[in-house]
Protein backbone atom coordinates (compact mmCIF):
# COMPACT_ATOMS: atom_id res chain seq x y z
CA MET A 1 -17.53 -0.19 0.91
CA SER A 2 -17.77 1.02 -2.65
CA THR A 3 -14.77 1.13 -4.93
CA GLU A 4 -13.78 3.31 -7.84
CA ALA A 5 -11.16 2.84 -10.53
CA ILE A 6 -8.36 5.42 -10.82
CA THR A 7 -5.36 5.73 -13.10
CA LEU A 8 -1.86 6.20 -11.68
CA GLU A 9 1.33 6.96 -13.56
CA ILE A 10 4.08 4.70 -12.17
CA ASP A 11 7.37 3.51 -13.59
CA SER A 12 7.27 0.56 -15.97
CA GLU A 13 9.08 -1.79 -13.58
CA ALA A 14 6.48 -1.20 -10.86
CA ALA A 15 3.67 -1.62 -13.39
CA GLN A 16 5.11 -4.92 -14.57
CA ALA A 17 5.49 -6.11 -10.99
CA PHE A 18 1.83 -5.28 -10.33
CA ARG A 19 0.65 -7.05 -13.48
CA SER A 20 2.73 -10.14 -12.73
CA VAL A 21 1.13 -10.97 -9.38
CA SER A 22 -2.06 -12.93 -8.82
CA VAL A 23 -5.46 -11.27 -8.62
CA ALA A 24 -5.47 -11.88 -4.86
CA GLU A 25 -2.12 -10.11 -4.51
CA ARG A 26 -3.34 -7.18 -6.62
CA GLU A 27 -6.33 -6.84 -4.32
CA LYS A 28 -4.02 -6.72 -1.28
CA LEU A 29 -1.86 -4.08 -2.94
CA GLN A 30 -4.94 -2.04 -3.83
CA VAL A 31 -6.11 -2.17 -0.21
CA LEU A 32 -2.68 -1.04 1.02
CA LEU A 33 -2.56 1.80 -1.49
CA GLY A 34 -6.07 2.86 -0.51
CA ILE A 35 -5.09 2.98 3.15
CA TRP A 36 -1.97 5.01 2.36
CA LEU A 37 -3.92 7.48 0.23
CA LYS A 38 -6.60 7.97 2.90
CA GLU A 39 -3.94 8.53 5.56
CA TYR A 40 -2.16 11.01 3.29
CA ALA A 41 -5.38 12.87 2.51
CA THR A 42 -6.25 13.29 6.19
CA ALA A 43 -2.76 14.34 7.28
CA ASP A 44 -2.62 18.03 8.05
CA THR A 45 0.47 19.38 6.36
CA ALA A 46 2.63 16.28 6.58
CA SER A 47 4.73 15.41 3.59
CA LEU A 48 4.33 12.08 1.85
CA LYS A 49 7.53 10.82 3.51
CA GLU A 50 6.27 11.83 6.95
CA THR A 51 2.96 10.10 6.26
CA MET A 52 4.70 6.93 5.07
CA ASP A 53 6.95 6.98 8.14
CA GLN A 54 3.92 7.34 10.41
CA LEU A 55 2.14 4.47 8.63
CA SER A 56 5.23 2.33 9.10
CA ARG A 57 5.41 3.15 12.82
CA ASP A 58 1.68 2.44 13.23
CA ALA A 59 1.98 -0.91 11.44
CA GLN A 60 5.03 -1.89 13.50
CA SER A 61 3.29 -0.95 16.75
CA ARG A 62 0.47 -3.30 15.70
CA GLY A 63 2.97 -6.10 15.18
CA LEU A 64 3.54 -5.88 11.43
CA THR A 65 7.17 -6.67 10.69
CA PRO A 66 8.88 -6.51 7.30
CA GLU A 67 8.87 -10.31 7.32
CA THR A 68 5.13 -10.46 8.07
CA LEU A 69 4.38 -7.98 5.30
CA GLU A 70 6.49 -9.96 2.85
CA SER A 71 4.66 -13.14 3.86
CA ILE A 72 1.28 -11.46 3.33
CA LEU A 73 2.30 -10.19 -0.09
CA GLU A 74 3.69 -13.59 -1.10
CA GLU A 75 0.52 -15.55 -0.19
CA GLU A 76 -1.50 -16.67 -3.16
C-alpha cells in the first residue's frame, strides 16, 4: 500500500496530543484516520456523524470496545 502526506487543519490541543505520542502511536492514529476517510469517501450521502456512528457500530460488532481501543492507543 502506498502512502501520501496530507495537511489537515486541527485545533492546537489535538495537534499537541498527536505530536506528544510515540511514532508507533502516530502510525496507529494515521491508520485509523485513513480508514475513517475512506469510509467517509465511499458513503453515499451520509453525513460525517452518520459515517462515524456506522464505523463505531462496525468496530463494536467486531469486538472493539472503548477499553480495547484505549489499550491499543496506549501501547508503545
